[in-house]
Amino acid sequence: MRLYTKDHAWVVVEGARARVGISDFAQSELGEIAYVELPPLHRSLLRGEVACTVDSLKSSSEIYSPVGGTVEEVNAVLAEEENAGLVNKDPFGKGWLFILEMSDPRDLDLLLSEEQYQAYVRGS
């Protein structure tokens, strides 16, 4: 099950870990992704803290951590400029950004379901 933030990040829970990316809506609004600056490994993030940056040909966007935790893995493939476009091509698959070891799974209670997120996007 995928959960979302109002900042257009998504989370898929994998045990005590959370895989994070940006939504299809977000990647389409950003346009062609040119560069992804990933968070450093083992960095502790609070829910809502800037985790990384995604640069497109149109703009630069900060990605906020949807849950608190420690960065355990990053999608290093995206760090190579020629692969940054994976965020556009496959935002829910190969275009994921990072994985956190969650510090407080209750943060998930503050996220939106797929249905709630789609309603939010339609309303914005």
N, C-alpha and C. Protein backbone atom coordinates (compact mmCIF):
# COMPACT_ATOMS: atom_id res chain seq x y z
N MET A 1 0.84 -1.18 0.00
CA MET A 1 0.00 0.00 0.00
C MET A 1 0.89 1.24 0.00
N ARG A 2 0.56 2.17 -0.88
CA ARG A 2 1.32 3.42 -0.99
C ARG A 2 0.57 4.53 -0.26
N LEU A 3 1.32 5.30 0.52
CA LEU A 3 0.78 6.46 1.23
C LEU A 3 1.45 7.72 0.69
N TYR A 4 0.80 8.86 0.86
CA TYR A 4 1.28 10.11 0.26
C TYR A 4 1.28 11.26 1.25
N THR A 5 2.10 12.28 0.90
CA THR A 5 2.06 13.55 1.62
C THR A 5 1.40 14.58 0.71
N LYS A 6 0.99 15.69 1.28
CA LYS A 6 0.45 16.79 0.49
C LYS A 6 1.54 17.48 -0.30
N ASP A 7 2.81 17.14 -0.01
CA ASP A 7 3.95 17.66 -0.77
C ASP A 7 4.29 16.75 -1.94
N HIS A 8 3.46 15.75 -2.19
CA HIS A 8 3.56 14.86 -3.34
C HIS A 8 4.68 13.82 -3.27
N ALA A 9 5.08 13.47 -2.06
CA ALA A 9 5.99 12.34 -1.87
C ALA A 9 5.13 11.10 -1.58
N TRP A 10 5.67 9.94 -1.89
CA TRP A 10 4.98 8.70 -1.55
C TRP A 10 5.89 7.83 -0.67
N VAL A 11 5.23 6.92 0.02
CA VAL A 11 5.91 5.98 0.92
C VAL A 11 5.31 4.60 0.72
N VAL A 12 6.17 3.62 0.62
CA VAL A 12 5.74 2.22 0.67
C VAL A 12 6.47 1.61 1.86
N VAL A 13 5.71 1.04 2.77
CA VAL A 13 6.28 0.46 3.98
C VAL A 13 6.77 -0.96 3.68
N GLU A 14 8.02 -1.21 4.10
CA GLU A 14 8.65 -2.52 3.93
C GLU A 14 9.18 -2.93 5.30
N GLY A 15 8.32 -3.49 6.14
CA GLY A 15 8.71 -3.83 7.51
C GLY A 15 8.87 -2.55 8.31
N ALA A 16 10.07 -2.33 8.87
CA ALA A 16 10.34 -1.11 9.65
C ALA A 16 10.93 -0.01 8.77
N ARG A 17 10.97 -0.28 7.48
CA ARG A 17 11.55 0.68 6.54
C ARG A 17 10.47 1.31 5.67
N ALA A 18 10.80 2.49 5.16
CA ALA A 18 9.89 3.21 4.26
C ALA A 18 10.64 3.60 3.00
N ARG A 19 10.18 3.12 1.86
CA ARG A 19 10.75 3.49 0.56
C ARG A 19 10.03 4.76 0.12
N VAL A 20 10.79 5.78 -0.31
CA VAL A 20 10.24 7.09 -0.61
C VAL A 20 10.52 7.50 -2.05
N GLY A 21 9.55 8.14 -2.66
CA GLY A 21 9.70 8.69 -4.01
C GLY A 21 8.76 9.87 -4.17
N ILE A 22 8.65 10.37 -5.40
CA ILE A 22 7.68 11.44 -5.65
C ILE A 22 6.57 10.89 -6.54
N SER A 23 5.42 11.48 -6.43
CA SER A 23 4.25 10.98 -7.14
C SER A 23 4.33 11.26 -8.64
N ASP A 24 3.49 10.57 -9.36
CA ASP A 24 3.38 10.79 -10.80
C ASP A 24 2.96 12.23 -11.07
N PHE A 25 2.06 12.74 -10.24
CA PHE A 25 1.62 14.14 -10.37
C PHE A 25 2.82 15.08 -10.23
N ALA A 26 3.66 14.85 -9.22
CA ALA A 26 4.81 15.71 -8.96
C ALA A 26 5.80 15.68 -10.13
N GLN A 27 6.10 14.49 -10.63
CA GLN A 27 7.07 14.41 -11.72
C GLN A 27 6.52 15.08 -12.97
N SER A 28 5.22 14.98 -13.20
CA SER A 28 4.65 15.62 -14.40
C SER A 28 4.65 17.14 -14.26
N GLU A 29 4.44 17.63 -13.05
CA GLU A 29 4.48 19.08 -12.81
C GLU A 29 5.90 19.63 -12.94
N LEU A 30 6.88 18.85 -12.50
CA LEU A 30 8.27 19.28 -12.59
C LEU A 30 8.79 19.29 -14.02
N GLY A 31 8.29 18.39 -14.83
CA GLY A 31 8.82 18.26 -16.19
C GLY A 31 10.03 17.35 -16.19
N GLU A 32 10.82 17.43 -17.22
CA GLU A 32 11.95 16.52 -17.41
C GLU A 32 12.98 16.68 -16.29
N ILE A 33 13.18 15.61 -15.52
CA ILE A 33 14.14 15.62 -14.41
C ILE A 33 15.55 15.52 -14.97
N ALA A 34 16.41 16.44 -14.56
CA ALA A 34 17.79 16.49 -15.05
C ALA A 34 18.80 16.00 -14.02
N TYR A 35 18.48 16.17 -12.74
CA TYR A 35 19.45 15.83 -11.70
C TYR A 35 18.72 15.56 -10.39
N VAL A 36 19.20 14.58 -9.64
CA VAL A 36 18.65 14.26 -8.32
C VAL A 36 19.79 14.30 -7.31
N GLU A 37 19.64 15.16 -6.29
CA GLU A 37 20.61 15.20 -5.20
C GLU A 37 20.04 14.39 -4.05
N LEU A 38 20.60 13.22 -3.82
CA LEU A 38 20.08 12.28 -2.82
C LEU A 38 20.65 12.60 -1.44
N PRO A 39 19.94 12.19 -0.39
CA PRO A 39 20.46 12.43 0.96
C PRO A 39 21.63 11.51 1.26
N PRO A 40 22.53 11.94 2.15
CA PRO A 40 23.64 11.06 2.52
C PRO A 40 23.15 9.87 3.36
N LEU A 41 23.83 8.76 3.19
CA LEU A 41 23.51 7.57 3.98
C LEU A 41 23.70 7.87 5.47
N HIS A 42 22.86 7.27 6.28
CA HIS A 42 22.89 7.36 7.75
C HIS A 42 22.47 8.72 8.29
N ARG A 43 21.99 9.60 7.42
CA ARG A 43 21.49 10.90 7.88
C ARG A 43 20.15 10.68 8.58
N SER A 44 19.99 11.30 9.72
CA SER A 44 18.71 11.25 10.44
C SER A 44 17.83 12.38 9.93
N LEU A 45 16.60 12.04 9.64
CA LEU A 45 15.63 13.03 9.14
C LEU A 45 14.41 13.05 10.03
N LEU A 46 13.91 14.23 10.27
CA LEU A 46 12.63 14.39 10.95
C LEU A 46 11.53 14.41 9.90
N ARG A 47 10.33 14.01 10.29
CA ARG A 47 9.20 14.10 9.37
C ARG A 47 9.05 15.56 8.94
N GLY A 48 8.99 15.81 7.64
CA GLY A 48 8.82 17.15 7.11
C GLY A 48 10.12 17.89 6.83
N GLU A 49 11.24 17.28 7.18
CA GLU A 49 12.54 17.92 6.92
C GLU A 49 12.95 17.69 5.46
N VAL A 50 13.67 18.67 4.88
CA VAL A 50 14.16 18.51 3.51
C VAL A 50 15.12 17.33 3.48
N ALA A 51 14.83 16.39 2.58
CA ALA A 51 15.64 15.18 2.48
C ALA A 51 16.56 15.22 1.26
N CYS A 52 16.05 15.74 0.15
CA CYS A 52 16.84 15.78 -1.07
C CYS A 52 16.25 16.82 -2.02
N THR A 53 16.90 16.97 -3.17
CA THR A 53 16.46 17.95 -4.17
C THR A 53 16.35 17.27 -5.53
N VAL A 54 15.31 17.64 -6.25
CA VAL A 54 15.12 17.15 -7.61
C VAL A 54 15.12 18.37 -8.53
N ASP A 55 16.04 18.37 -9.50
CA ASP A 55 16.15 19.48 -10.45
C ASP A 55 15.60 19.05 -11.79
N SER A 56 14.71 19.88 -12.32
CA SER A 56 14.19 19.64 -13.66
C SER A 56 14.65 20.77 -14.56
N LEU A 57 14.30 20.67 -15.83
CA LEU A 57 14.66 21.73 -16.76
C LEU A 57 13.88 23.01 -16.44
N LYS A 58 12.75 22.87 -15.71
CA LYS A 58 11.92 24.03 -15.36
C LYS A 58 12.27 24.63 -14.01
N SER A 59 12.60 23.79 -13.03
CA SER A 59 12.79 24.30 -11.67
C SER A 59 13.52 23.28 -10.80
N SER A 60 13.76 23.69 -9.56
CA SER A 60 14.35 22.82 -8.56
C SER A 60 13.32 22.64 -7.45
N SER A 61 13.21 21.43 -6.94
CA SER A 61 12.20 21.16 -5.92
C SER A 61 12.80 20.39 -4.76
N GLU A 62 12.53 20.87 -3.55
CA GLU A 62 12.97 20.14 -2.36
C GLU A 62 11.96 19.04 -2.06
N ILE A 63 12.47 17.89 -1.68
CA ILE A 63 11.62 16.75 -1.32
C ILE A 63 11.72 16.59 0.20
N TYR A 64 10.57 16.60 0.85
CA TYR A 64 10.51 16.53 2.30
C TYR A 64 10.27 15.09 2.73
N SER A 65 10.93 14.71 3.80
CA SER A 65 10.79 13.35 4.31
C SER A 65 9.37 13.14 4.84
N PRO A 66 8.67 12.15 4.32
CA PRO A 66 7.29 11.91 4.77
C PRO A 66 7.19 11.31 6.17
N VAL A 67 8.27 10.68 6.62
CA VAL A 67 8.33 10.09 7.97
C VAL A 67 9.73 10.35 8.52
N GLY A 68 9.85 10.28 9.83
CA GLY A 68 11.16 10.42 10.45
C GLY A 68 11.93 9.12 10.39
N GLY A 69 13.26 9.23 10.35
CA GLY A 69 14.06 8.03 10.35
C GLY A 69 15.47 8.29 9.88
N THR A 70 16.19 7.22 9.64
CA THR A 70 17.58 7.27 9.21
C THR A 70 17.68 6.72 7.79
N VAL A 71 18.38 7.46 6.93
CA VAL A 71 18.56 7.03 5.54
C VAL A 71 19.45 5.78 5.53
N GLU A 72 18.87 4.68 5.08
CA GLU A 72 19.59 3.40 5.04
C GLU A 72 20.04 3.05 3.63
N GLU A 73 19.37 3.61 2.64
CA GLU A 73 19.70 3.27 1.25
C GLU A 73 19.24 4.42 0.36
N VAL A 74 20.00 4.67 -0.70
CA VAL A 74 19.59 5.65 -1.71
C VAL A 74 19.61 4.96 -3.06
N ASN A 75 18.84 5.48 -3.98
CA ASN A 75 18.81 4.93 -5.33
C ASN A 75 19.98 5.55 -6.11
N ALA A 76 21.16 4.97 -5.93
CA ALA A 76 22.40 5.52 -6.49
C ALA A 76 22.35 5.62 -8.01
N VAL A 77 21.53 4.83 -8.66
CA VAL A 77 21.40 4.89 -10.11
C VAL A 77 20.97 6.30 -10.54
N LEU A 78 20.14 6.95 -9.72
CA LEU A 78 19.64 8.30 -10.05
C LEU A 78 20.72 9.36 -9.96
N ALA A 79 21.78 9.11 -9.22
CA ALA A 79 22.84 10.10 -9.06
C ALA A 79 23.58 10.36 -10.37
N GLU A 80 23.52 9.41 -11.28
CA GLU A 80 24.12 9.60 -12.59
C GLU A 80 23.13 10.39 -13.44
N GLU A 81 23.56 11.55 -13.95
CA GLU A 81 22.64 12.45 -14.65
C GLU A 81 21.84 11.77 -15.74
N GLU A 82 22.46 10.86 -16.47
CA GLU A 82 21.74 10.22 -17.57
C GLU A 82 20.60 9.32 -17.07
N ASN A 83 20.58 9.01 -15.77
CA ASN A 83 19.53 8.15 -15.22
C ASN A 83 18.48 8.93 -14.42
N ALA A 84 18.66 10.23 -14.23
CA ALA A 84 17.71 11.02 -13.44
C ALA A 84 16.30 10.95 -14.01
N GLY A 85 16.19 10.76 -15.31
CA GLY A 85 14.88 10.66 -15.96
C GLY A 85 14.05 9.46 -15.54
N LEU A 86 14.65 8.52 -14.81
CA LEU A 86 13.87 7.38 -14.30
C LEU A 86 12.74 7.86 -13.39
N VAL A 87 12.95 9.01 -12.73
CA VAL A 87 11.90 9.57 -11.88
C VAL A 87 10.68 9.90 -12.73
N ASN A 88 10.89 10.37 -13.96
CA ASN A 88 9.78 10.65 -14.87
C ASN A 88 9.18 9.37 -15.44
N LYS A 89 10.04 8.47 -15.86
CA LYS A 89 9.58 7.27 -16.55
C LYS A 89 8.91 6.27 -15.63
N ASP A 90 9.39 6.17 -14.40
CA ASP A 90 8.91 5.12 -13.49
C ASP A 90 8.94 5.61 -12.04
N PRO A 91 8.13 6.66 -11.72
CA PRO A 91 8.22 7.26 -10.38
C PRO A 91 7.87 6.31 -9.24
N PHE A 92 7.10 5.25 -9.52
CA PHE A 92 6.71 4.32 -8.46
C PHE A 92 7.53 3.04 -8.46
N GLY A 93 8.45 2.94 -9.41
CA GLY A 93 9.29 1.75 -9.52
C GLY A 93 10.75 2.11 -9.43
N LYS A 94 11.42 2.09 -10.57
CA LYS A 94 12.86 2.33 -10.62
C LYS A 94 13.24 3.77 -10.27
N GLY A 95 12.28 4.67 -10.21
CA GLY A 95 12.56 6.08 -9.89
C GLY A 95 12.41 6.43 -8.42
N TRP A 96 12.39 5.45 -7.52
CA TRP A 96 12.33 5.74 -6.08
C TRP A 96 13.59 6.51 -5.68
N LEU A 97 13.52 7.22 -4.54
CA LEU A 97 14.62 8.08 -4.12
C LEU A 97 15.50 7.50 -3.01
N PHE A 98 14.87 7.16 -1.87
CA PHE A 98 15.65 6.67 -0.73
C PHE A 98 14.79 5.80 0.17
N ILE A 99 15.46 5.06 1.06
CA ILE A 99 14.78 4.20 2.03
C ILE A 99 15.22 4.62 3.43
N LEU A 100 14.23 4.81 4.30
CA LEU A 100 14.47 5.18 5.69
C LEU A 100 14.17 4.03 6.61
N GLU A 101 14.96 3.88 7.66
CA GLU A 101 14.60 3.05 8.80
C GLU A 101 13.77 3.98 9.67
N MET A 102 12.48 3.70 9.79
CA MET A 102 11.58 4.63 10.48
C MET A 102 11.88 4.72 11.97
N SER A 103 11.85 5.94 12.49
CA SER A 103 12.06 6.13 13.93
C SER A 103 10.74 6.03 14.69
N ASP A 104 9.62 6.38 14.04
CA ASP A 104 8.32 6.32 14.69
C ASP A 104 7.25 5.98 13.65
N PRO A 105 6.85 4.71 13.56
CA PRO A 105 5.86 4.30 12.57
C PRO A 105 4.52 5.05 12.69
N ARG A 106 4.30 5.72 13.82
CA ARG A 106 3.06 6.49 13.96
C ARG A 106 3.02 7.66 12.98
N ASP A 107 4.19 8.06 12.43
CA ASP A 107 4.21 9.10 11.40
C ASP A 107 3.34 8.71 10.21
N LEU A 108 3.21 7.41 9.96
CA LEU A 108 2.41 6.93 8.83
C LEU A 108 0.95 7.32 8.98
N ASP A 109 0.49 7.48 10.21
CA ASP A 109 -0.91 7.85 10.46
C ASP A 109 -1.24 9.24 9.94
N LEU A 110 -0.22 10.05 9.68
CA LEU A 110 -0.42 11.42 9.22
C LEU A 110 -0.44 11.53 7.69
N LEU A 111 -0.24 10.41 7.00
CA LEU A 111 -0.18 10.41 5.55
C LEU A 111 -1.55 10.12 4.93
N LEU A 112 -1.64 10.40 3.64
CA LEU A 112 -2.89 10.21 2.91
C LEU A 112 -2.92 8.86 2.19
N SER A 113 -4.09 8.27 2.13
CA SER A 113 -4.26 7.05 1.33
C SER A 113 -4.25 7.46 -0.15
N GLU A 114 -4.18 6.49 -1.03
CA GLU A 114 -4.23 6.76 -2.49
C GLU A 114 -5.49 7.56 -2.83
N GLU A 115 -6.61 7.14 -2.29
CA GLU A 115 -7.90 7.80 -2.57
C GLU A 115 -7.89 9.24 -2.05
N GLN A 116 -7.41 9.44 -0.83
CA GLN A 116 -7.34 10.79 -0.25
C GLN A 116 -6.38 11.68 -1.05
N TYR A 117 -5.27 11.10 -1.48
CA TYR A 117 -4.29 11.88 -2.26
C TYR A 117 -4.87 12.30 -3.60
N GLN A 118 -5.53 11.37 -4.29
CA GLN A 118 -6.11 11.70 -5.59
C GLN A 118 -7.16 12.80 -5.45
N ALA A 119 -7.95 12.75 -4.39
CA ALA A 119 -8.95 13.81 -4.13
C ALA A 119 -8.24 15.13 -3.87
N TYR A 120 -7.14 15.09 -3.13
CA TYR A 120 -6.37 16.30 -2.83
C TYR A 120 -5.82 16.91 -4.12
N VAL A 121 -5.25 16.07 -4.99
CA VAL A 121 -4.67 16.56 -6.25
C VAL A 121 -5.76 17.15 -7.14
N ARG A 122 -6.91 16.52 -7.20
CA ARG A 122 -8.02 17.05 -8.01
C ARG A 122 -8.48 18.40 -7.50
N GLY A 123 -8.37 18.61 -6.19
CA GLY A 123 -8.82 19.86 -5.58
C GLY A 123 -7.80 20.97 -5.64
N SER A 124 -6.53 20.66 -6.02
CA SER A 124 -5.51 21.70 -6.02
C SER A 124 -5.32 22.34 -7.38
